[in-house]
């Protein structure tokens, strides 16, 4: 299944990225990182990844999540994961 990413907001300026489908090495990982880089550029450094709709995630994608965590933390923010299976 193709990766779908939807952006949303909770109150207090927390960004929610809802991910659906599967995340694999390559373009999927780059898309997720680009979304986080866009958030950091917009000074939105607190984020939640909603992974409820994820059907598969490979080891490269796990590395991407860790890099996204680091980018947000280095910008003074945080990343939380929700709906992990």
Protein backbone atom coordinates (compact mmCIF):
# COMPACT_ATOMS: atom_id res chain seq x y z
CA UNK A 1 0.00 0.00 0.00
CA UNK A 2 1.29 3.48 -0.91
CA UNK A 3 2.26 5.72 1.99
CA UNK A 4 -0.25 8.48 2.72
CA UNK A 5 0.67 11.38 5.00
CA UNK A 6 -1.92 13.75 6.41
CA UNK A 7 -1.02 16.81 8.49
CA UNK A 8 -3.15 18.05 11.33
CA UNK A 9 -2.91 20.19 14.46
CA UNK A 10 -3.80 19.68 18.07
CA UNK A 11 -4.30 22.65 20.33
CA UNK A 12 -1.13 24.18 21.76
CA UNK A 13 0.64 23.98 18.38
CA UNK A 14 1.31 20.26 18.31
CA UNK A 15 1.52 18.92 14.76
CA UNK A 16 0.04 15.50 14.02
CA UNK A 17 1.31 13.52 11.05
CA UNK A 18 -1.08 10.65 10.33
CA UNK A 19 0.69 7.94 8.34
CA UNK A 20 -1.20 5.21 6.45
CA UNK A 21 0.09 2.32 4.38
CA UNK A 22 3.65 1.04 4.49
CA UNK A 23 6.97 2.82 4.95
CA UNK A 24 9.92 1.40 3.02
CA UNK A 25 13.48 2.42 2.18
CA UNK A 26 13.82 5.25 -0.30
CA UNK A 27 11.09 7.69 -1.30
CA UNK A 28 8.81 6.87 1.63
CA UNK A 29 11.55 7.61 4.16
CA UNK A 30 12.50 10.84 2.37
CA UNK A 31 8.85 11.99 2.37
CA UNK A 32 8.58 11.52 6.12
CA UNK A 33 11.85 13.39 6.75
CA UNK A 34 10.81 16.23 4.43
CA UNK A 35 7.55 16.63 6.35
CA UNK A 36 9.49 16.97 9.61
CA UNK A 37 11.96 19.40 8.04
CA UNK A 38 9.00 21.51 6.89
CA UNK A 39 7.66 21.51 10.46
CA UNK A 40 11.01 22.64 11.87
CA UNK A 41 11.26 25.44 9.26
CA UNK A 42 7.79 26.58 10.36
CA UNK A 43 8.91 26.54 14.03
CA UNK A 44 6.56 23.65 14.78
CA UNK A 45 8.90 21.50 16.82
CA UNK A 46 6.37 19.40 18.75
CA UNK A 47 4.91 16.53 16.76
CA UNK A 48 3.04 13.26 17.01
CA UNK A 49 3.32 10.48 14.44
CA UNK A 50 -0.02 8.63 14.36
CA UNK A 51 1.00 5.17 13.15
CA UNK A 52 -2.40 3.51 13.60
CA UNK A 53 -2.79 3.01 9.84
CA UNK A 54 0.71 1.66 9.19
CA UNK A 55 0.67 -1.89 7.81
CA UNK A 56 4.45 -2.39 7.46
CA UNK A 57 7.59 -0.51 8.43
CA UNK A 58 11.10 -1.69 7.50
CA UNK A 59 14.37 -1.11 9.35
CA UNK A 60 15.27 1.91 7.22
CA UNK A 61 11.96 3.51 8.18
CA UNK A 62 12.72 2.90 11.87
CA UNK A 63 15.97 4.80 11.28
CA UNK A 64 13.96 7.61 9.68
CA UNK A 65 11.76 7.88 12.77
CA UNK A 66 14.90 8.13 14.93
CA UNK A 67 16.35 10.86 12.67
CA UNK A 68 13.05 12.77 12.83
CA UNK A 69 13.14 12.50 16.63
CA UNK A 70 16.68 13.92 16.61
CA UNK A 71 15.80 16.78 14.27
CA UNK A 72 12.87 17.85 16.42
CA UNK A 73 14.81 17.44 19.67
CA UNK A 74 17.76 19.48 18.32
CA UNK A 75 15.27 22.21 17.40
CA UNK A 76 14.05 22.29 21.01
CA UNK A 77 10.98 20.13 20.45
CA UNK A 78 9.83 16.56 20.79
CA UNK A 79 8.35 13.66 18.87
CA UNK A 80 5.81 11.20 20.22
CA UNK A 81 4.50 8.05 18.55
CA UNK A 82 0.87 6.96 18.76
CA UNK A 83 -0.90 3.82 17.58
CA UNK A 84 2.21 1.64 17.29
CA UNK A 85 1.47 -2.01 16.58
